[in-house]
Every structure is written in structure tokens, then in C-alpha cells.
PDB file of all heavy atoms in Angstrom:
ATOM      1  N   SER A   1      13.215 -10.533  22.566  1.00  0.00           N
ATOM      2  CA  SER A   1      13.681 -10.218  23.926  1.00  0.00           C
ATOM      3  C   SER A   1      12.622 -10.488  24.987  1.00  0.00           C
ATOM      4  O   SER A   1      12.715  -9.974  26.095  1.00  0.00           O
ATOM      5  CB  SER A   1      14.125  -8.747  24.005  1.00  0.00           C
ATOM      6  OG  SER A   1      15.123  -8.475  23.059  1.00  0.00           O
ATOM      7  N   GLY A   2      11.612 -11.269  24.650  1.00  0.00           N
ATOM      8  CA  GLY A   2      10.602 -11.634  25.628  1.00  0.00           C
ATOM      9  C   GLY A   2       9.599 -10.555  25.956  1.00  0.00           C
ATOM     10  O   GLY A   2       8.623 -10.806  26.655  1.00  0.00           O
ATOM     11  N   SER A   3       9.789  -9.317  25.473  1.00  0.00           N
ATOM     12  CA  SER A   3       8.881  -8.233  25.850  1.00  0.00           C
ATOM     13  C   SER A   3       8.377  -7.419  24.665  1.00  0.00           C
ATOM     14  O   SER A   3       7.586  -6.503  24.848  1.00  0.00           O
ATOM     15  CB  SER A   3       9.583  -7.286  26.835  1.00  0.00           C
ATOM     16  OG  SER A   3      10.728  -6.704  26.256  1.00  0.00           O
ATOM     17  N   SER A   4       8.832  -7.714  23.441  1.00  0.00           N
ATOM     18  CA  SER A   4       8.406  -6.986  22.250  1.00  0.00           C
ATOM     19  C   SER A   4       7.775  -7.944  21.247  1.00  0.00           C
ATOM     20  O   SER A   4       8.348  -8.987  20.924  1.00  0.00           O
ATOM     21  CB  SER A   4       9.585  -6.264  21.594  1.00  0.00           C
ATOM     22  OG  SER A   4      10.091  -5.255  22.443  1.00  0.00           O
ATOM     23  N   LEU A   5       6.594  -7.588  20.748  1.00  0.00           N
ATOM     24  CA  LEU A   5       5.889  -8.386  19.760  1.00  0.00           C
ATOM     25  C   LEU A   5       5.813  -7.597  18.465  1.00  0.00           C
ATOM     26  O   LEU A   5       5.458  -6.416  18.470  1.00  0.00           O
ATOM     27  CB  LEU A   5       4.468  -8.718  20.228  1.00  0.00           C
ATOM     28  CG  LEU A   5       4.277  -9.829  21.267  1.00  0.00           C
ATOM     29  CD1 LEU A   5       4.886  -9.442  22.603  1.00  0.00           C
ATOM     30  CD2 LEU A   5       2.797 -10.120  21.435  1.00  0.00           C
ATOM     31  N   VAL A   6       6.145  -8.227  17.347  1.00  0.00           N
ATOM     32  CA  VAL A   6       6.094  -7.579  16.039  1.00  0.00           C
ATOM     33  C   VAL A   6       5.080  -8.309  15.169  1.00  0.00           C
ATOM     34  O   VAL A   6       5.250  -9.494  14.859  1.00  0.00           O
ATOM     35  CB  VAL A   6       7.467  -7.571  15.348  1.00  0.00           C
ATOM     36  CG1 VAL A   6       7.368  -6.893  13.978  1.00  0.00           C
ATOM     37  CG2 VAL A   6       8.492  -6.847  16.211  1.00  0.00           C
ATOM     38  N   PHE A   7       4.008  -7.607  14.785  1.00  0.00           N
ATOM     39  CA  PHE A   7       2.994  -8.142  13.896  1.00  0.00           C
ATOM     40  C   PHE A   7       3.305  -7.645  12.483  1.00  0.00           C
ATOM     41  O   PHE A   7       3.319  -6.440  12.234  1.00  0.00           O
ATOM     42  CB  PHE A   7       1.600  -7.674  14.304  1.00  0.00           C
ATOM     43  CG  PHE A   7       1.168  -8.161  15.655  1.00  0.00           C
ATOM     44  CD1 PHE A   7       1.547  -7.484  16.805  1.00  0.00           C
ATOM     45  CD2 PHE A   7       0.371  -9.288  15.785  1.00  0.00           C
ATOM     46  CE1 PHE A   7       1.141  -7.914  18.062  1.00  0.00           C
ATOM     47  CE2 PHE A   7      -0.035  -9.727  17.033  1.00  0.00           C
ATOM     48  CZ  PHE A   7       0.347  -9.044  18.176  1.00  0.00           C
ATOM     49  N   THR A   8       3.542  -8.555  11.549  1.00  0.00           N
ATOM     50  CA  THR A   8       3.886  -8.187  10.175  1.00  0.00           C
ATOM     51  C   THR A   8       2.733  -8.529   9.245  1.00  0.00           C
ATOM     52  O   THR A   8       2.234  -9.660   9.255  1.00  0.00           O
ATOM     53  CB  THR A   8       5.149  -8.917   9.706  1.00  0.00           C
ATOM     54  OG1 THR A   8       6.220  -8.632  10.605  1.00  0.00           O
ATOM     55  CG2 THR A   8       5.544  -8.475   8.311  1.00  0.00           C
ATOM     56  N   ALA A   9       2.310  -7.553   8.458  1.00  0.00           N
ATOM     57  CA  ALA A   9       1.208  -7.769   7.529  1.00  0.00           C
ATOM     58  C   ALA A   9       1.581  -8.800   6.479  1.00  0.00           C
ATOM     59  O   ALA A   9       2.673  -8.767   5.917  1.00  0.00           O
ATOM     60  CB  ALA A   9       0.830  -6.455   6.860  1.00  0.00           C
ATOM     61  N   ALA A  10       0.662  -9.719   6.208  1.00  0.00           N
ATOM     62  CA  ALA A  10       0.910 -10.745   5.206  1.00  0.00           C
ATOM     63  C   ALA A  10       0.798 -10.182   3.791  1.00  0.00           C
ATOM     64  O   ALA A  10       1.394 -10.697   2.858  1.00  0.00           O
ATOM     65  CB  ALA A  10      -0.083 -11.891   5.381  1.00  0.00           C
ATOM     66  N   SER A  11       0.036  -9.115   3.620  1.00  0.00           N
ATOM     67  CA  SER A  11      -0.122  -8.484   2.312  1.00  0.00           C
ATOM     68  C   SER A  11      -0.535  -7.037   2.532  1.00  0.00           C
ATOM     69  O   SER A  11      -0.772  -6.597   3.656  1.00  0.00           O
ATOM     70  CB  SER A  11      -1.187  -9.209   1.478  1.00  0.00           C
ATOM     71  OG  SER A  11      -2.442  -9.155   2.128  1.00  0.00           O
ATOM     72  N   ASN A  12      -0.619  -6.270   1.435  1.00  0.00           N
ATOM     73  CA  ASN A  12      -0.988  -4.855   1.550  1.00  0.00           C
ATOM     74  C   ASN A  12      -2.499  -4.699   1.709  1.00  0.00           C
ATOM     75  O   ASN A  12      -3.191  -4.133   0.869  1.00  0.00           O
ATOM     76  CB  ASN A  12      -0.511  -4.075   0.316  1.00  0.00           C
ATOM     77  CG  ASN A  12       1.002  -4.018   0.244  1.00  0.00           C
ATOM     78  OD1 ASN A  12       1.672  -4.084   1.271  1.00  0.00           O
ATOM     79  ND2 ASN A  12       1.526  -3.904  -0.955  1.00  0.00           N
ATOM     80  N   THR A  13      -3.020  -5.244   2.813  1.00  0.00           N
ATOM     81  CA  THR A  13      -4.459  -5.176   3.037  1.00  0.00           C
ATOM     82  C   THR A  13      -4.872  -3.887   3.719  1.00  0.00           C
ATOM     83  O   THR A  13      -6.049  -3.564   3.754  1.00  0.00           O
ATOM     84  CB  THR A  13      -4.921  -6.372   3.874  1.00  0.00           C
ATOM     85  OG1 THR A  13      -4.126  -6.434   5.074  1.00  0.00           O
ATOM     86  CG2 THR A  13      -4.765  -7.672   3.101  1.00  0.00           C
ATOM     87  N   PHE A  14      -3.925  -3.152   4.311  1.00  0.00           N
ATOM     88  CA  PHE A  14      -4.257  -1.870   4.924  1.00  0.00           C
ATOM     89  C   PHE A  14      -3.457  -0.797   4.204  1.00  0.00           C
ATOM     90  O   PHE A  14      -2.264  -0.627   4.431  1.00  0.00           O
ATOM     91  CB  PHE A  14      -3.944  -1.890   6.421  1.00  0.00           C
ATOM     92  CG  PHE A  14      -4.324  -0.608   7.116  1.00  0.00           C
ATOM     93  CD1 PHE A  14      -5.485   0.063   6.782  1.00  0.00           C
ATOM     94  CD2 PHE A  14      -3.523  -0.066   8.094  1.00  0.00           C
ATOM     95  CE1 PHE A  14      -5.838   1.247   7.406  1.00  0.00           C
ATOM     96  CE2 PHE A  14      -3.864   1.109   8.736  1.00  0.00           C
ATOM     97  CZ  PHE A  14      -5.031   1.773   8.387  1.00  0.00           C
ATOM     98  N   GLU A  15      -4.133  -0.084   3.319  1.00  0.00           N
ATOM     99  CA  GLU A  15      -3.450   0.908   2.492  1.00  0.00           C
ATOM    100  C   GLU A  15      -4.439   1.970   2.044  1.00  0.00           C
ATOM    101  O   GLU A  15      -5.659   1.806   2.151  1.00  0.00           O
ATOM    102  CB  GLU A  15      -2.841   0.240   1.258  1.00  0.00           C
ATOM    103  CG  GLU A  15      -3.881  -0.411   0.364  1.00  0.00           C
ATOM    104  CD  GLU A  15      -3.293  -1.184  -0.799  1.00  0.00           C
ATOM    105  OE1 GLU A  15      -2.201  -1.773  -0.625  1.00  0.00           O
ATOM    106  OE2 GLU A  15      -3.924  -1.200  -1.881  1.00  0.00           O
ATOM    107  N   ALA A  16      -3.901   3.073   1.533  1.00  0.00           N
ATOM    108  CA  ALA A  16      -4.702   4.139   0.928  1.00  0.00           C
ATOM    109  C   ALA A  16      -3.986   4.570  -0.334  1.00  0.00           C
ATOM    110  O   ALA A  16      -2.757   4.732  -0.333  1.00  0.00           O
ATOM    111  CB  ALA A  16      -4.875   5.313   1.885  1.00  0.00           C
ATOM    112  N   GLN A  17      -4.724   4.728  -1.421  1.00  0.00           N
ATOM    113  CA  GLN A  17      -4.113   5.173  -2.667  1.00  0.00           C
ATOM    114  C   GLN A  17      -5.098   6.049  -3.428  1.00  0.00           C
ATOM    115  O   GLN A  17      -6.321   5.900  -3.299  1.00  0.00           O
ATOM    116  CB  GLN A  17      -3.675   3.990  -3.513  1.00  0.00           C
ATOM    117  CG  GLN A  17      -4.749   2.974  -3.841  1.00  0.00           C
ATOM    118  CD  GLN A  17      -4.180   1.797  -4.613  1.00  0.00           C
ATOM    119  OE1 GLN A  17      -3.255   1.938  -5.392  1.00  0.00           O
ATOM    120  NE2 GLN A  17      -4.727   0.608  -4.378  1.00  0.00           N
ATOM    121  N   SER A  18      -4.546   6.960  -4.223  1.00  0.00           N
ATOM    122  CA  SER A  18      -5.387   7.901  -4.957  1.00  0.00           C
ATOM    123  C   SER A  18      -4.673   8.358  -6.220  1.00  0.00           C
ATOM    124  O   SER A  18      -3.447   8.497  -6.248  1.00  0.00           O
ATOM    125  CB  SER A  18      -5.715   9.115  -4.078  1.00  0.00           C
ATOM    126  OG  SER A  18      -6.438  10.082  -4.810  1.00  0.00           O
ATOM    127  N   SER A  19      -5.455   8.566  -7.260  1.00  0.00           N
ATOM    128  CA  SER A  19      -4.953   9.163  -8.494  1.00  0.00           C
ATOM    129  C   SER A  19      -5.753  10.417  -8.836  1.00  0.00           C
ATOM    130  O   SER A  19      -5.711  10.904  -9.964  1.00  0.00           O
ATOM    131  CB  SER A  19      -5.039   8.160  -9.656  1.00  0.00           C
ATOM    132  OG  SER A  19      -6.373   7.709  -9.822  1.00  0.00           O
ATOM    133  N   SER A  20      -6.487  10.928  -7.836  1.00  0.00           N
ATOM    134  CA  SER A  20      -7.271  12.150  -8.015  1.00  0.00           C
ATOM    135  C   SER A  20      -6.871  13.155  -6.941  1.00  0.00           C
ATOM    136  O   SER A  20      -6.124  12.842  -6.019  1.00  0.00           O
ATOM    137  CB  SER A  20      -8.770  11.848  -7.915  1.00  0.00           C
ATOM    138  OG  SER A  20      -9.137  11.576  -6.573  1.00  0.00           O
ATOM    139  N   THR A  21      -7.394  14.356  -7.056  1.00  0.00           N
ATOM    140  CA  THR A  21      -7.063  15.405  -6.088  1.00  0.00           C
ATOM    141  C   THR A  21      -7.906  15.309  -4.825  1.00  0.00           C
ATOM    142  O   THR A  21      -7.783  16.160  -3.942  1.00  0.00           O
ATOM    143  CB  THR A  21      -7.244  16.788  -6.736  1.00  0.00           C
ATOM    144  OG1 THR A  21      -8.591  16.903  -7.240  1.00  0.00           O
ATOM    145  CG2 THR A  21      -6.262  16.987  -7.873  1.00  0.00           C
ATOM    146  N   SER A  22      -8.749  14.302  -4.728  1.00  0.00           N
ATOM    147  CA  SER A  22      -9.559  14.081  -3.523  1.00  0.00           C
ATOM    148  C   SER A  22      -8.840  13.109  -2.590  1.00  0.00           C
ATOM    149  O   SER A  22      -8.177  12.170  -3.043  1.00  0.00           O
ATOM    150  CB  SER A  22     -10.936  13.520  -3.897  1.00  0.00           C
ATOM    151  OG  SER A  22     -11.645  14.413  -4.719  1.00  0.00           O
ATOM    152  N   TRP A  23      -8.989  13.332  -1.293  1.00  0.00           N
ATOM    153  CA  TRP A  23      -8.370  12.447  -0.311  1.00  0.00           C
ATOM    154  C   TRP A  23      -9.078  11.095  -0.301  1.00  0.00           C
ATOM    155  O   TRP A  23     -10.307  11.017  -0.347  1.00  0.00           O
ATOM    156  CB  TRP A  23      -8.438  13.060   1.082  1.00  0.00           C
ATOM    157  CG  TRP A  23      -7.369  14.067   1.360  1.00  0.00           C
ATOM    158  CD1 TRP A  23      -7.470  15.416   1.275  1.00  0.00           C
ATOM    159  CD2 TRP A  23      -6.027  13.787   1.769  1.00  0.00           C
ATOM    160  NE1 TRP A  23      -6.287  16.014   1.605  1.00  0.00           N
ATOM    161  CE2 TRP A  23      -5.378  15.046   1.919  1.00  0.00           C
ATOM    162  CE3 TRP A  23      -5.312  12.621   2.024  1.00  0.00           C
ATOM    163  CZ2 TRP A  23      -4.042  15.146   2.312  1.00  0.00           C
ATOM    164  CZ3 TRP A  23      -3.984  12.725   2.414  1.00  0.00           C
ATOM    165  CH2 TRP A  23      -3.360  13.976   2.551  1.00  0.00           C
ATOM    166  N   ALA A  24      -8.312  10.022  -0.212  1.00  0.00           N
ATOM    167  CA  ALA A  24      -8.821   8.666   0.007  1.00  0.00           C
ATOM    168  C   ALA A  24      -8.262   8.187   1.339  1.00  0.00           C
ATOM    169  O   ALA A  24      -7.048   8.262   1.568  1.00  0.00           O
ATOM    170  CB  ALA A  24      -8.390   7.739  -1.123  1.00  0.00           C
ATOM    171  N   PHE A  25      -9.145   7.725   2.228  1.00  0.00           N
ATOM    172  CA  PHE A  25      -8.723   7.324   3.568  1.00  0.00           C
ATOM    173  C   PHE A  25      -9.012   5.855   3.825  1.00  0.00           C
ATOM    174  O   PHE A  25      -9.949   5.272   3.265  1.00  0.00           O
ATOM    175  CB  PHE A  25      -9.432   8.170   4.636  1.00  0.00           C
ATOM    176  CG  PHE A  25      -8.973   9.598   4.700  1.00  0.00           C
ATOM    177  CD1 PHE A  25      -9.734  10.601   4.118  1.00  0.00           C
ATOM    178  CD2 PHE A  25      -7.792   9.935   5.335  1.00  0.00           C
ATOM    179  CE1 PHE A  25      -9.314  11.922   4.170  1.00  0.00           C
ATOM    180  CE2 PHE A  25      -7.360  11.246   5.398  1.00  0.00           C
ATOM    181  CZ  PHE A  25      -8.132  12.243   4.810  1.00  0.00           C
ATOM    182  N   SER A  26      -8.199   5.270   4.699  1.00  0.00           N
ATOM    183  CA  SER A  26      -8.402   3.905   5.157  1.00  0.00           C
ATOM    184  C   SER A  26      -8.058   3.858   6.641  1.00  0.00           C
ATOM    185  O   SER A  26      -7.039   4.415   7.061  1.00  0.00           O
ATOM    186  CB  SER A  26      -7.521   2.934   4.372  1.00  0.00           C
ATOM    187  OG  SER A  26      -7.705   1.605   4.828  1.00  0.00           O
ATOM    188  N   GLY A  27      -8.901   3.221   7.437  1.00  0.00           N
ATOM    189  CA  GLY A  27      -8.644   3.161   8.878  1.00  0.00           C
ATOM    190  C   GLY A  27      -8.894   1.769   9.431  1.00  0.00           C
ATOM    191  O   GLY A  27      -9.628   0.967   8.857  1.00  0.00           O
ATOM    192  N   ASP A  28      -8.248   1.462  10.548  1.00  0.00           N
ATOM    193  CA  ASP A  28      -8.505   0.203  11.225  1.00  0.00           C
ATOM    194  C   ASP A  28      -8.290   0.367  12.720  1.00  0.00           C
ATOM    195  O   ASP A  28      -7.743   1.370  13.189  1.00  0.00           O
ATOM    196  CB  ASP A  28      -7.644  -0.933  10.661  1.00  0.00           C
ATOM    197  CG  ASP A  28      -6.191  -0.861  11.114  1.00  0.00           C
ATOM    198  OD1 ASP A  28      -5.776   0.172  11.667  1.00  0.00           O
ATOM    199  OD2 ASP A  28      -5.455  -1.851  10.908  1.00  0.00           O
ATOM    200  N   SER A  29      -8.767  -0.618  13.478  1.00  0.00           N
ATOM    201  CA  SER A  29      -8.647  -0.610  14.934  1.00  0.00           C
ATOM    202  C   SER A  29      -8.242  -2.003  15.391  1.00  0.00           C
ATOM    203  O   SER A  29      -8.828  -2.999  14.966  1.00  0.00           O
ATOM    204  CB  SER A  29      -9.989  -0.209  15.563  1.00  0.00           C
ATOM    205  OG  SER A  29      -9.872  -0.045  16.955  1.00  0.00           O
ATOM    206  N   PHE A  30      -7.231  -2.073  16.241  1.00  0.00           N
ATOM    207  CA  PHE A  30      -6.632  -3.342  16.657  1.00  0.00           C
ATOM    208  C   PHE A  30      -6.559  -3.351  18.178  1.00  0.00           C
ATOM    209  O   PHE A  30      -5.951  -2.462  18.776  1.00  0.00           O
ATOM    210  CB  PHE A  30      -5.244  -3.461  16.026  1.00  0.00           C
ATOM    211  CG  PHE A  30      -4.466  -4.693  16.416  1.00  0.00           C
ATOM    212  CD1 PHE A  30      -5.099  -5.889  16.667  1.00  0.00           C
ATOM    213  CD2 PHE A  30      -3.085  -4.652  16.504  1.00  0.00           C
ATOM    214  CE1 PHE A  30      -4.381  -7.023  17.006  1.00  0.00           C
ATOM    215  CE2 PHE A  30      -2.349  -5.774  16.834  1.00  0.00           C
ATOM    216  CZ  PHE A  30      -3.001  -6.966  17.086  1.00  0.00           C
ATOM    217  N   GLY A  31      -7.201  -4.314  18.828  1.00  0.00           N
ATOM    218  CA  GLY A  31      -7.253  -4.354  20.291  1.00  0.00           C
ATOM    219  C   GLY A  31      -6.498  -5.517  20.885  1.00  0.00           C
ATOM    220  O   GLY A  31      -6.521  -6.638  20.358  1.00  0.00           O
ATOM    221  N   LEU A  32      -5.789  -5.255  21.996  1.00  0.00           N
ATOM    222  CA  LEU A  32      -5.085  -6.294  22.741  1.00  0.00           C
ATOM    223  C   LEU A  32      -5.346  -6.108  24.231  1.00  0.00           C
ATOM    224  O   LEU A  32      -5.532  -4.989  24.699  1.00  0.00           O
ATOM    225  CB  LEU A  32      -3.575  -6.220  22.519  1.00  0.00           C
ATOM    226  CG  LEU A  32      -3.023  -6.171  21.111  1.00  0.00           C
ATOM    227  CD1 LEU A  32      -2.498  -4.775  20.830  1.00  0.00           C
ATOM    228  CD2 LEU A  32      -1.903  -7.180  20.950  1.00  0.00           C
ATOM    229  N   ARG A  33      -5.300  -7.222  24.947  1.00  0.00           N
ATOM    230  CA  ARG A  33      -5.368  -7.174  26.406  1.00  0.00           C
ATOM    231  C   ARG A  33      -4.020  -7.637  26.948  1.00  0.00           C
ATOM    232  O   ARG A  33      -3.507  -8.684  26.552  1.00  0.00           O
ATOM    233  CB  ARG A  33      -6.486  -8.082  26.922  1.00  0.00           C
ATOM    234  CG  ARG A  33      -6.633  -8.049  28.442  1.00  0.00           C
ATOM    235  CD  ARG A  33      -7.658  -9.059  28.898  1.00  0.00           C
ATOM    236  NE  ARG A  33      -7.752  -9.115  30.345  1.00  0.00           N
ATOM    237  CZ  ARG A  33      -8.273 -10.139  31.024  1.00  0.00           C
ATOM    238  NH1 ARG A  33      -8.751 -11.199  30.365  1.00  0.00           N
ATOM    239  NH2 ARG A  33      -8.318 -10.113  32.335  1.00  0.00           N
ATOM    240  N   ILE A  34      -3.441  -6.855  27.856  1.00  0.00           N
ATOM    241  CA  ILE A  34      -2.151  -7.179  28.460  1.00  0.00           C
ATOM    242  C   ILE A  34      -2.379  -7.466  29.941  1.00  0.00           C
ATOM    243  O   ILE A  34      -2.925  -6.615  30.661  1.00  0.00           O
ATOM    244  CB  ILE A  34      -1.148  -6.025  28.296  1.00  0.00           C
ATOM    245  CG1 ILE A  34      -1.049  -5.604  26.826  1.00  0.00           C
ATOM    246  CG2 ILE A  34       0.218  -6.415  28.823  1.00  0.00           C
ATOM    247  CD1 ILE A  34      -0.225  -4.352  26.610  1.00  0.00           C
ATOM    248  N   VAL A  35      -1.973  -8.638  30.392  1.00  0.00           N
ATOM    249  CA  VAL A  35      -2.177  -9.053  31.784  1.00  0.00           C
ATOM    250  C   VAL A  35      -0.828  -9.410  32.400  1.00  0.00           C
ATOM    251  O   VAL A  35      -0.090 -10.255  31.858  1.00  0.00           O
ATOM    252  CB  VAL A  35      -3.134 -10.253  31.880  1.00  0.00           C
ATOM    253  CG1 VAL A  35      -3.342 -10.661  33.337  1.00  0.00           C
ATOM    254  CG2 VAL A  35      -4.473  -9.926  31.220  1.00  0.00           C
ATOM    255  N   ALA A  36      -0.492  -8.781  33.505  1.00  0.00           N
ATOM    256  CA  ALA A  36       0.783  -9.047  34.175  1.00  0.00           C
ATOM    257  C   ALA A  36       0.779 -10.428  34.820  1.00  0.00           C
ATOM    258  O   ALA A  36      -0.245 -10.896  35.321  1.00  0.00           O
ATOM    259  CB  ALA A  36       1.060  -7.978  35.221  1.00  0.00           C
ATOM    260  N   ASP A  37       1.934 -11.074  34.823  1.00  0.00           N
ATOM    261  CA  ASP A  37       2.089 -12.337  35.541  1.00  0.00           C
ATOM    262  C   ASP A  37       2.047 -12.074  37.042  1.00  0.00           C
ATOM    263  O   ASP A  37       2.255 -10.942  37.500  1.00  0.00           O
ATOM    264  CB  ASP A  37       3.430 -12.989  35.186  1.00  0.00           C
ATOM    265  CG  ASP A  37       3.449 -13.545  33.772  1.00  0.00           C
ATOM    266  OD1 ASP A  37       2.373 -13.635  33.154  1.00  0.00           O
ATOM    267  OD2 ASP A  37       4.551 -13.875  33.290  1.00  0.00           O
TER     268      ASP A  37
END
């Protein structure tokens, strides 16, 4: 619709998994600049 962008992951590169009672964390940061016409 000219105003929505959908970024789809090519693979499961951002994930968290655990088989123990300890927490496993994964984080990322993604930056964009938006400039009006």
C-alpha cells in the first residue's frame, strides 16, 4: 500500500532457546531513518 514495509527473516538467525532452568536471552537493534517527501 505504499506506506508499509515488511522485513522477513531469511532464516532463524534471531532466536532464543533453552533446555535448562536458566534463562537464555538474545537481543538485537535495528535502525531506520524516515524522511518525508
